[in-house]
């Protein structure tokens, strides 16, 4: 059983690191990110994704003793007890949960031989996380993000993605070269698309592009598309939220 060490100072190096990891530049520099959700931490551990360090408050341990003992039994990571003030000092949540795990950012992987969901300038972390979670639900495991997407390690993205965050193959297309050179047929969504989703028969493997919440798919990617898919909706509404549209597309394209 791992020993519990207590941290008593905000000047502790671990606390300083946790504070820094709230910012994207430090997450990239240290190749680490944090998760402040007990359910996600447990689900990730059960799926084989262990944390490097865990921080908990005494109050959290009292409320979640059985689950905390499960974490200590299954993980050989380092454990630290902190107080509520420290938790509030570095937490990225409006109401700190009392538990924070540090994870290593995985090395970039190559796209597996399957369909791809390409995210073009998704700006809302909640939308990004919801899209990721829904993609996994319909077995779309390759997620490519362009350089204009919100940070995938944003706390709100992780909170929305739940445990799917650890189970997807996430790749960043920093210079647009992946989308420009893929051999997969590219499908974009548009309210003026010429292909009705209801009757569309997709290729066995494809790249589905989801665009920015306000501006849709960029002109550059639109020119690469082999099909422009339209979701038939009421004339009373102009468009759907991108995460809602994603769920419909994943369901229809996966089920055919």
C-alpha atoms as a PDB file:
ATOM      1  CA  UNK A   1       0.000   0.000   0.000  1.00  0.00           C
ATOM      2  CA  UNK A   2       1.399   3.377  -1.022  1.00  0.00           C
ATOM      3  CA  UNK A   3       2.392   5.899   1.609  1.00  0.00           C
ATOM      4  CA  UNK A   4       0.351   9.099   1.851  1.00  0.00           C
ATOM      5  CA  UNK A   5       2.494  12.210   2.084  1.00  0.00           C
ATOM      6  CA  UNK A   6       1.112  15.563   3.179  1.00  0.00           C
ATOM      7  CA  UNK A   7       1.851  18.849   1.409  1.00  0.00           C
ATOM      8  CA  UNK A   8       1.537  21.945   3.589  1.00  0.00           C
ATOM      9  CA  UNK A   9       2.974  24.783   1.493  1.00  0.00           C
ATOM     10  CA  UNK A  10       1.888  26.505  -1.725  1.00  0.00           C
ATOM     11  CA  UNK A  11       5.599  26.775  -2.512  1.00  0.00           C
ATOM     12  CA  UNK A  12       5.860  23.012  -2.846  1.00  0.00           C
ATOM     13  CA  UNK A  13       7.096  22.055  -6.318  1.00  0.00           C
ATOM     14  CA  UNK A  14       4.123  19.771  -6.923  1.00  0.00           C
ATOM     15  CA  UNK A  15       1.681  22.589  -6.191  1.00  0.00           C
ATOM     16  CA  UNK A  16       3.628  24.952  -8.437  1.00  0.00           C
ATOM     17  CA  UNK A  17       3.453  22.367 -11.234  1.00  0.00           C
ATOM     18  CA  UNK A  18      -0.295  21.897 -10.791  1.00  0.00           C
ATOM     19  CA  UNK A  19      -0.772  25.656 -11.053  1.00  0.00           C
ATOM     20  CA  UNK A  20       1.265  25.762 -14.259  1.00  0.00           C
ATOM     21  CA  UNK A  21      -0.628  22.865 -15.842  1.00  0.00           C
ATOM     22  CA  UNK A  22      -3.741  25.027 -15.933  1.00  0.00           C
ATOM     23  CA  UNK A  23      -2.096  26.747 -18.913  1.00  0.00           C
ATOM     24  CA  UNK A  24      -1.695  25.173 -22.342  1.00  0.00           C
ATOM     25  CA  UNK A  25       1.914  26.309 -22.828  1.00  0.00           C
ATOM     26  CA  UNK A  26       3.020  24.451 -19.718  1.00  0.00           C
ATOM     27  CA  UNK A  27       1.013  21.350 -20.586  1.00  0.00           C
ATOM     28  CA  UNK A  28       2.914  21.254 -23.861  1.00  0.00           C
ATOM     29  CA  UNK A  29       6.251  22.039 -22.194  1.00  0.00           C
ATOM     30  CA  UNK A  30       5.966  19.356 -19.503  1.00  0.00           C
ATOM     31  CA  UNK A  31       3.905  16.947 -21.635  1.00  0.00           C
ATOM     32  CA  UNK A  32       1.462  16.510 -18.766  1.00  0.00           C
ATOM     33  CA  UNK A  33      -2.156  17.360 -18.054  1.00  0.00           C
ATOM     34  CA  UNK A  34      -4.562  17.052 -15.135  1.00  0.00           C
ATOM     35  CA  UNK A  35      -7.926  15.420 -14.520  1.00  0.00           C
ATOM     36  CA  UNK A  36     -10.131  16.531 -11.620  1.00  0.00           C
ATOM     37  CA  UNK A  37     -12.923  13.981 -11.886  1.00  0.00           C
ATOM     38  CA  UNK A  38     -13.037  10.807  -9.803  1.00  0.00           C
ATOM     39  CA  UNK A  39     -15.210   8.854 -12.245  1.00  0.00           C
ATOM     40  CA  UNK A  40     -12.924   9.634 -15.196  1.00  0.00           C
ATOM     41  CA  UNK A  41      -9.841   8.707 -13.167  1.00  0.00           C
ATOM     42  CA  UNK A  42     -11.355   5.361 -12.120  1.00  0.00           C
ATOM     43  CA  UNK A  43     -12.666   4.535 -15.601  1.00  0.00           C
ATOM     44  CA  UNK A  44      -9.284   5.379 -17.119  1.00  0.00           C
ATOM     45  CA  UNK A  45      -7.494   3.166 -14.607  1.00  0.00           C
ATOM     46  CA  UNK A  46      -9.853   0.277 -15.330  1.00  0.00           C
ATOM     47  CA  UNK A  47      -9.121   0.715 -19.035  1.00  0.00           C
ATOM     48  CA  UNK A  48      -5.373   0.543 -18.371  1.00  0.00           C
ATOM     49  CA  UNK A  49      -4.523   4.260 -18.252  1.00  0.00           C
ATOM     50  CA  UNK A  50      -2.712   5.065 -15.025  1.00  0.00           C
ATOM     51  CA  UNK A  51      -1.922   8.483 -13.600  1.00  0.00           C
ATOM     52  CA  UNK A  52       1.542   9.609 -12.517  1.00  0.00           C
ATOM     53  CA  UNK A  53       0.642  11.461  -9.300  1.00  0.00           C
ATOM     54  CA  UNK A  54      -2.599  11.864  -7.335  1.00  0.00           C
ATOM     55  CA  UNK A  55      -3.602  14.681  -4.983  1.00  0.00           C
ATOM     56  CA  UNK A  56      -6.592  14.494  -2.635  1.00  0.00           C
ATOM     57  CA  UNK A  57      -8.041  16.483   0.224  1.00  0.00           C
ATOM     58  CA  UNK A  58      -8.812  14.839   3.560  1.00  0.00           C
ATOM     59  CA  UNK A  59     -12.460  15.721   3.075  1.00  0.00           C
ATOM     60  CA  UNK A  60     -12.489  13.973  -0.288  1.00  0.00           C
ATOM     61  CA  UNK A  61     -11.006  10.815   1.218  1.00  0.00           C
ATOM     62  CA  UNK A  62     -13.643  10.778   3.944  1.00  0.00           C
ATOM     63  CA  UNK A  63     -16.462  11.049   1.390  1.00  0.00           C
ATOM     64  CA  UNK A  64     -14.985   8.545  -1.077  1.00  0.00           C
ATOM     65  CA  UNK A  65     -13.002   6.131   1.053  1.00  0.00           C
ATOM     66  CA  UNK A  66     -13.910   2.940  -0.848  1.00  0.00           C
ATOM     67  CA  UNK A  67     -13.120   4.457  -4.240  1.00  0.00           C
ATOM     68  CA  UNK A  68      -9.918   5.988  -2.958  1.00  0.00           C
ATOM     69  CA  UNK A  69      -8.811   2.619  -1.588  1.00  0.00           C
ATOM     70  CA  UNK A  70      -9.531   1.138  -5.026  1.00  0.00           C
ATOM     71  CA  UNK A  71      -7.195   3.690  -6.623  1.00  0.00           C
ATOM     72  CA  UNK A  72      -4.440   2.929  -4.131  1.00  0.00           C
ATOM     73  CA  UNK A  73      -4.851  -0.790  -4.733  1.00  0.00           C
ATOM     74  CA  UNK A  74      -4.719  -0.557  -8.524  1.00  0.00           C
ATOM     75  CA  UNK A  75      -2.089   2.161  -9.022  1.00  0.00           C
ATOM     76  CA  UNK A  76       1.504   2.393  -7.852  1.00  0.00           C
ATOM     77  CA  UNK A  77       1.621   6.174  -8.367  1.00  0.00           C
ATOM     78  CA  UNK A  78       2.595   8.728  -5.735  1.00  0.00           C
ATOM     79  CA  UNK A  79      -0.163  10.066  -3.458  1.00  0.00           C
ATOM     80  CA  UNK A  80      -0.345  13.410  -1.654  1.00  0.00           C
ATOM     81  CA  UNK A  81      -2.829  14.885   0.787  1.00  0.00           C
ATOM     82  CA  UNK A  82      -3.531  18.599   0.400  1.00  0.00           C
ATOM     83  CA  UNK A  83      -5.955  21.002   2.066  1.00  0.00           C
ATOM     84  CA  UNK A  84      -8.972  22.746   0.530  1.00  0.00           C
ATOM     85  CA  UNK A  85      -7.107  26.022   0.096  1.00  0.00           C
ATOM     86  CA  UNK A  86      -4.401  24.345  -2.001  1.00  0.00           C
ATOM     87  CA  UNK A  87      -6.993  22.580  -4.089  1.00  0.00           C
ATOM     88  CA  UNK A  88      -8.681  25.908  -4.857  1.00  0.00           C
ATOM     89  CA  UNK A  89      -5.292  27.466  -5.644  1.00  0.00           C
ATOM     90  CA  UNK A  90      -4.631  25.320  -8.710  1.00  0.00           C
ATOM     91  CA  UNK A  91      -8.029  23.860  -9.627  1.00  0.00           C
ATOM     92  CA  UNK A  92      -9.403  24.581 -13.093  1.00  0.00           C
ATOM     93  CA  UNK A  93     -12.965  23.981 -11.867  1.00  0.00           C
ATOM     94  CA  UNK A  94     -15.372  26.561 -10.455  1.00  0.00           C
ATOM     95  CA  UNK A  95     -15.912  24.186  -7.529  1.00  0.00           C
ATOM     96  CA  UNK A  96     -12.805  22.048  -6.863  1.00  0.00           C
ATOM     97  CA  UNK A  97     -13.567  18.330  -6.682  1.00  0.00           C
ATOM     98  CA  UNK A  98     -10.936  17.515  -4.061  1.00  0.00           C
ATOM     99  CA  UNK A  99      -9.050  15.103  -6.319  1.00  0.00           C
ATOM    100  CA  UNK A 100      -6.528  15.817  -9.065  1.00  0.00           C
ATOM    101  CA  UNK A 101      -4.507  13.340 -11.115  1.00  0.00           C
ATOM    102  CA  UNK A 102      -1.535  14.177 -13.316  1.00  0.00           C
ATOM    103  CA  UNK A 103      -1.212  12.200 -16.552  1.00  0.00           C
ATOM    104  CA  UNK A 104       1.477  12.085 -19.185  1.00  0.00           C
ATOM    105  CA  UNK A 105       0.429  13.367 -22.605  1.00  0.00           C
ATOM    106  CA  UNK A 106       0.695  10.346 -24.921  1.00  0.00           C
ATOM    107  CA  UNK A 107       2.990  10.351 -27.915  1.00  0.00           C
ATOM    108  CA  UNK A 108       1.316  11.235 -31.211  1.00  0.00           C
ATOM    109  CA  UNK A 109       0.107   8.122 -32.978  1.00  0.00           C
ATOM    110  CA  UNK A 110      -0.436   7.360 -36.631  1.00  0.00           C
ATOM    111  CA  UNK A 111      -3.960   7.125 -37.977  1.00  0.00           C
ATOM    112  CA  UNK A 112      -5.255   3.570 -37.897  1.00  0.00           C
ATOM    113  CA  UNK A 113      -6.732   1.981 -41.006  1.00  0.00           C
ATOM    114  CA  UNK A 114     -10.272   3.182 -40.465  1.00  0.00           C
ATOM    115  CA  UNK A 115     -12.543   6.208 -40.891  1.00  0.00           C
ATOM    116  CA  UNK A 116     -11.485   9.565 -39.453  1.00  0.00           C
ATOM    117  CA  UNK A 117     -13.355  12.390 -37.769  1.00  0.00           C
ATOM    118  CA  UNK A 118     -11.567  15.634 -38.652  1.00  0.00           C
ATOM    119  CA  UNK A 119     -12.272  18.662 -36.463  1.00  0.00           C
ATOM    120  CA  UNK A 120     -11.830  22.030 -38.127  1.00  0.00           C
ATOM    121  CA  UNK A 121     -11.575  25.020 -35.767  1.00  0.00           C
ATOM    122  CA  UNK A 122     -13.874  23.673 -33.041  1.00  0.00           C
ATOM    123  CA  UNK A 123     -13.672  26.491 -30.491  1.00  0.00           C
ATOM    124  CA  UNK A 124     -15.819  25.373 -27.561  1.00  0.00           C
ATOM    125  CA  UNK A 125     -14.196  22.833 -25.203  1.00  0.00           C
ATOM    126  CA  UNK A 126     -17.580  21.400 -24.221  1.00  0.00           C
ATOM    127  CA  UNK A 127     -18.435  20.757 -27.861  1.00  0.00           C
ATOM    128  CA  UNK A 128     -15.051  19.164 -28.471  1.00  0.00           C
ATOM    129  CA  UNK A 129     -15.404  16.831 -25.494  1.00  0.00           C
ATOM    130  CA  UNK A 130     -18.971  15.879 -26.417  1.00  0.00           C
ATOM    131  CA  UNK A 131     -17.939  15.120 -30.002  1.00  0.00           C
ATOM    132  CA  UNK A 132     -15.129  12.896 -28.747  1.00  0.00           C
ATOM    133  CA  UNK A 133     -17.406  10.983 -26.397  1.00  0.00           C
ATOM    134  CA  UNK A 134     -20.072  10.528 -29.075  1.00  0.00           C
ATOM    135  CA  UNK A 135     -17.493   9.461 -31.656  1.00  0.00           C
ATOM    136  CA  UNK A 136     -16.353   6.629 -29.403  1.00  0.00           C
ATOM    137  CA  UNK A 137     -19.968   5.576 -28.839  1.00  0.00           C
ATOM    138  CA  UNK A 138     -20.284   4.916 -32.569  1.00  0.00           C
ATOM    139  CA  UNK A 139     -16.816   3.393 -32.925  1.00  0.00           C
ATOM    140  CA  UNK A 140     -15.127   6.327 -34.648  1.00  0.00           C
ATOM    141  CA  UNK A 141     -11.759   6.124 -32.889  1.00  0.00           C
ATOM    142  CA  UNK A 142      -9.548   8.272 -35.132  1.00  0.00           C
ATOM    143  CA  UNK A 143      -9.868  11.958 -34.203  1.00  0.00           C
ATOM    144  CA  UNK A 144      -7.742  14.528 -36.046  1.00  0.00           C
ATOM    145  CA  UNK A 145      -7.740  18.142 -34.835  1.00  0.00           C
ATOM    146  CA  UNK A 146      -6.428  21.056 -36.838  1.00  0.00           C
ATOM    147  CA  UNK A 147      -4.269  23.738 -35.243  1.00  0.00           C
ATOM    148  CA  UNK A 148      -7.226  26.076 -34.743  1.00  0.00           C
ATOM    149  CA  UNK A 149      -9.161  23.736 -32.461  1.00  0.00           C
ATOM    150  CA  UNK A 150      -9.431  24.442 -28.750  1.00  0.00           C
ATOM    151  CA  UNK A 151      -6.818  22.632 -26.657  1.00  0.00           C
ATOM    152  CA  UNK A 152      -7.759  18.981 -26.317  1.00  0.00           C
ATOM    153  CA  UNK A 153      -6.278  18.929 -22.789  1.00  0.00           C
ATOM    154  CA  UNK A 154      -8.479  21.777 -21.600  1.00  0.00           C
ATOM    155  CA  UNK A 155     -10.204  20.813 -18.333  1.00  0.00           C
ATOM    156  CA  UNK A 156     -13.669  21.455 -19.800  1.00  0.00           C
ATOM    157  CA  UNK A 157     -12.877  19.292 -22.823  1.00  0.00           C
ATOM    158  CA  UNK A 158     -11.810  16.412 -20.598  1.00  0.00           C
ATOM    159  CA  UNK A 159     -14.865  16.818 -18.369  1.00  0.00           C
ATOM    160  CA  UNK A 160     -17.169  16.544 -21.407  1.00  0.00           C
ATOM    161  CA  UNK A 161     -15.222  13.731 -23.069  1.00  0.00           C
ATOM    162  CA  UNK A 162     -15.311  11.543 -19.927  1.00  0.00           C
ATOM    163  CA  UNK A 163     -13.289   8.329 -20.217  1.00  0.00           C
ATOM    164  CA  UNK A 164     -13.451   8.422 -24.039  1.00  0.00           C
ATOM    165  CA  UNK A 165     -10.544  10.849 -23.844  1.00  0.00           C
ATOM    166  CA  UNK A 166      -8.209   7.963 -23.039  1.00  0.00           C
ATOM    167  CA  UNK A 167      -9.672   5.532 -25.580  1.00  0.00           C
ATOM    168  CA  UNK A 168      -9.439   7.524 -28.800  1.00  0.00           C
ATOM    169  CA  UNK A 169      -6.558   7.861 -31.231  1.00  0.00           C
ATOM    170  CA  UNK A 170      -6.056  11.644 -31.128  1.00  0.00           C
ATOM    171  CA  UNK A 171      -3.781  13.262 -33.714  1.00  0.00           C
ATOM    172  CA  UNK A 172      -3.065  16.949 -34.331  1.00  0.00           C
ATOM    173  CA  UNK A 173      -2.803  18.239 -37.904  1.00  0.00           C
ATOM    174  CA  UNK A 174      -0.758  21.328 -37.116  1.00  0.00           C
ATOM    175  CA  UNK A 175      -0.036  22.465 -40.649  1.00  0.00           C
ATOM    176  CA  UNK A 176      -3.023  21.070 -42.538  1.00  0.00           C
ATOM    177  CA  UNK A 177      -0.857  18.539 -44.365  1.00  0.00           C
ATOM    178  CA  UNK A 178      -2.848  15.528 -43.195  1.00  0.00           C
ATOM    179  CA  UNK A 179      -6.175  16.709 -44.595  1.00  0.00           C
ATOM    180  CA  UNK A 180      -4.490  17.899 -47.784  1.00  0.00           C
ATOM    181  CA  UNK A 181      -2.854  14.521 -48.442  1.00  0.00           C
ATOM    182  CA  UNK A 182      -5.304  11.935 -47.144  1.00  0.00           C
ATOM    183  CA  UNK A 183      -6.488   9.339 -49.645  1.00  0.00           C
ATOM    184  CA  UNK A 184      -9.798   8.964 -47.834  1.00  0.00           C
ATOM    185  CA  UNK A 185     -12.885  10.521 -49.426  1.00  0.00           C
ATOM    186  CA  UNK A 186     -13.668  13.728 -47.551  1.00  0.00           C
ATOM    187  CA  UNK A 187     -17.202  14.503 -46.447  1.00  0.00           C
ATOM    188  CA  UNK A 188     -18.145  17.975 -45.237  1.00  0.00           C
ATOM    189  CA  UNK A 189     -21.432  19.153 -43.789  1.00  0.00           C
ATOM    190  CA  UNK A 190     -23.307  22.135 -45.146  1.00  0.00           C
ATOM    191  CA  UNK A 191     -26.825  23.527 -44.916  1.00  0.00           C
ATOM    192  CA  UNK A 192     -26.554  23.936 -48.688  1.00  0.00           C
ATOM    193  CA  UNK A 193     -25.097  20.495 -49.313  1.00  0.00           C
ATOM    194  CA  UNK A 194     -26.068  18.526 -52.391  1.00  0.00           C
ATOM    195  CA  UNK A 195     -26.182  15.133 -50.644  1.00  0.00           C
ATOM    196  CA  UNK A 196     -29.057  14.270 -48.303  1.00  0.00           C
ATOM    197  CA  UNK A 197     -27.800  12.391 -45.247  1.00  0.00           C
ATOM    198  CA  UNK A 198     -30.968  10.298 -45.110  1.00  0.00           C
ATOM    199  CA  UNK A 199     -30.265   8.613 -48.456  1.00  0.00           C
ATOM    200  CA  UNK A 200     -26.480   8.881 -48.557  1.00  0.00           C
ATOM    201  CA  UNK A 201     -24.475   5.661 -48.792  1.00  0.00           C
ATOM    202  CA  UNK A 202     -20.955   6.305 -47.488  1.00  0.00           C
ATOM    203  CA  UNK A 203     -17.743   4.638 -48.557  1.00  0.00           C
ATOM    204  CA  UNK A 204     -16.395   1.873 -46.340  1.00  0.00           C
ATOM    205  CA  UNK A 205     -13.802   4.303 -44.974  1.00  0.00           C
ATOM    206  CA  UNK A 206     -13.957   8.074 -45.092  1.00  0.00           C
ATOM    207  CA  UNK A 207     -12.959  11.360 -43.457  1.00  0.00           C
ATOM    208  CA  UNK A 208     -15.859  13.302 -41.949  1.00  0.00           C
ATOM    209  CA  UNK A 209     -15.114  16.990 -41.330  1.00  0.00           C
ATOM    210  CA  UNK A 210     -16.913  18.954 -38.631  1.00  0.00           C
ATOM    211  CA  UNK A 211     -16.454  22.712 -38.807  1.00  0.00           C
ATOM    212  CA  UNK A 212     -16.406  25.729 -36.538  1.00  0.00           C
ATOM    213  CA  UNK A 213     -19.531  26.498 -34.488  1.00  0.00           C
ATOM    214  CA  UNK A 214     -20.070  29.902 -36.150  1.00  0.00           C
ATOM    215  CA  UNK A 215     -18.403  29.662 -39.552  1.00  0.00           C
ATOM    216  CA  UNK A 216     -18.645  26.002 -40.490  1.00  0.00           C
ATOM    217  CA  UNK A 217     -16.005  24.196 -42.521  1.00  0.00           C
ATOM    218  CA  UNK A 218     -13.196  26.391 -43.876  1.00  0.00           C
ATOM    219  CA  UNK A 219     -13.102  27.245 -47.571  1.00  0.00           C
ATOM    220  CA  UNK A 220      -9.770  25.421 -47.965  1.00  0.00           C
ATOM    221  CA  UNK A 221     -11.188  22.139 -46.691  1.00  0.00           C
ATOM    222  CA  UNK A 222     -14.488  22.650 -48.504  1.00  0.00           C
ATOM    223  CA  UNK A 223     -12.565  22.591 -51.785  1.00  0.00           C
ATOM    224  CA  UNK A 224     -11.103  19.188 -50.895  1.00  0.00           C
ATOM    225  CA  UNK A 225     -14.487  17.582 -50.236  1.00  0.00           C
ATOM    226  CA  UNK A 226     -15.828  14.789 -52.407  1.00  0.00           C
ATOM    227  CA  UNK A 227     -19.329  15.069 -50.907  1.00  0.00           C
ATOM    228  CA  UNK A 228     -21.250  17.870 -49.183  1.00  0.00           C
ATOM    229  CA  UNK A 229     -23.738  16.338 -46.764  1.00  0.00           C
ATOM    230  CA  UNK A 230     -26.909  18.099 -45.668  1.00  0.00           C
ATOM    231  CA  UNK A 231     -28.908  17.232 -42.557  1.00  0.00           C
ATOM    232  CA  UNK A 232     -32.555  17.901 -43.302  1.00  0.00           C
ATOM    233  CA  UNK A 233     -33.940  20.140 -40.552  1.00  0.00           C
ATOM    234  CA  UNK A 234     -36.938  22.426 -40.107  1.00  0.00           C
ATOM    235  CA  UNK A 235     -37.018  25.752 -41.927  1.00  0.00           C
ATOM    236  CA  UNK A 236     -37.672  27.349 -38.542  1.00  0.00           C
ATOM    237  CA  UNK A 237     -34.050  26.902 -37.504  1.00  0.00           C
ATOM    238  CA  UNK A 238     -30.894  27.882 -39.348  1.00  0.00           C
ATOM    239  CA  UNK A 239     -28.450  25.272 -38.068  1.00  0.00           C
ATOM    240  CA  UNK A 240     -27.649  22.700 -35.410  1.00  0.00           C
ATOM    241  CA  UNK A 241     -25.057  22.832 -32.661  1.00  0.00           C
ATOM    242  CA  UNK A 242     -21.967  21.073 -34.000  1.00  0.00           C
ATOM    243  CA  UNK A 243     -22.004  18.398 -31.294  1.00  0.00           C
ATOM    244  CA  UNK A 244     -25.677  17.640 -32.024  1.00  0.00           C
ATOM    245  CA  UNK A 245     -24.968  17.469 -35.756  1.00  0.00           C
ATOM    246  CA  UNK A 246     -22.016  15.193 -35.020  1.00  0.00           C
ATOM    247  CA  UNK A 247     -24.217  12.751 -33.107  1.00  0.00           C
ATOM    248  CA  UNK A 248     -26.673  12.540 -36.001  1.00  0.00           C
ATOM    249  CA  UNK A 249     -23.908  12.059 -38.555  1.00  0.00           C
ATOM    250  CA  UNK A 250     -22.096   9.419 -36.490  1.00  0.00           C
ATOM    251  CA  UNK A 251     -25.308   7.466 -36.031  1.00  0.00           C
ATOM    252  CA  UNK A 252     -26.367   7.593 -39.684  1.00  0.00           C
ATOM    253  CA  UNK A 253     -22.940   6.943 -41.190  1.00  0.00           C
ATOM    254  CA  UNK A 254     -22.062   4.234 -38.696  1.00  0.00           C
ATOM    255  CA  UNK A 255     -25.339   2.376 -39.034  1.00  0.00           C
ATOM    256  CA  UNK A 256     -25.285   1.997 -42.820  1.00  0.00           C
END
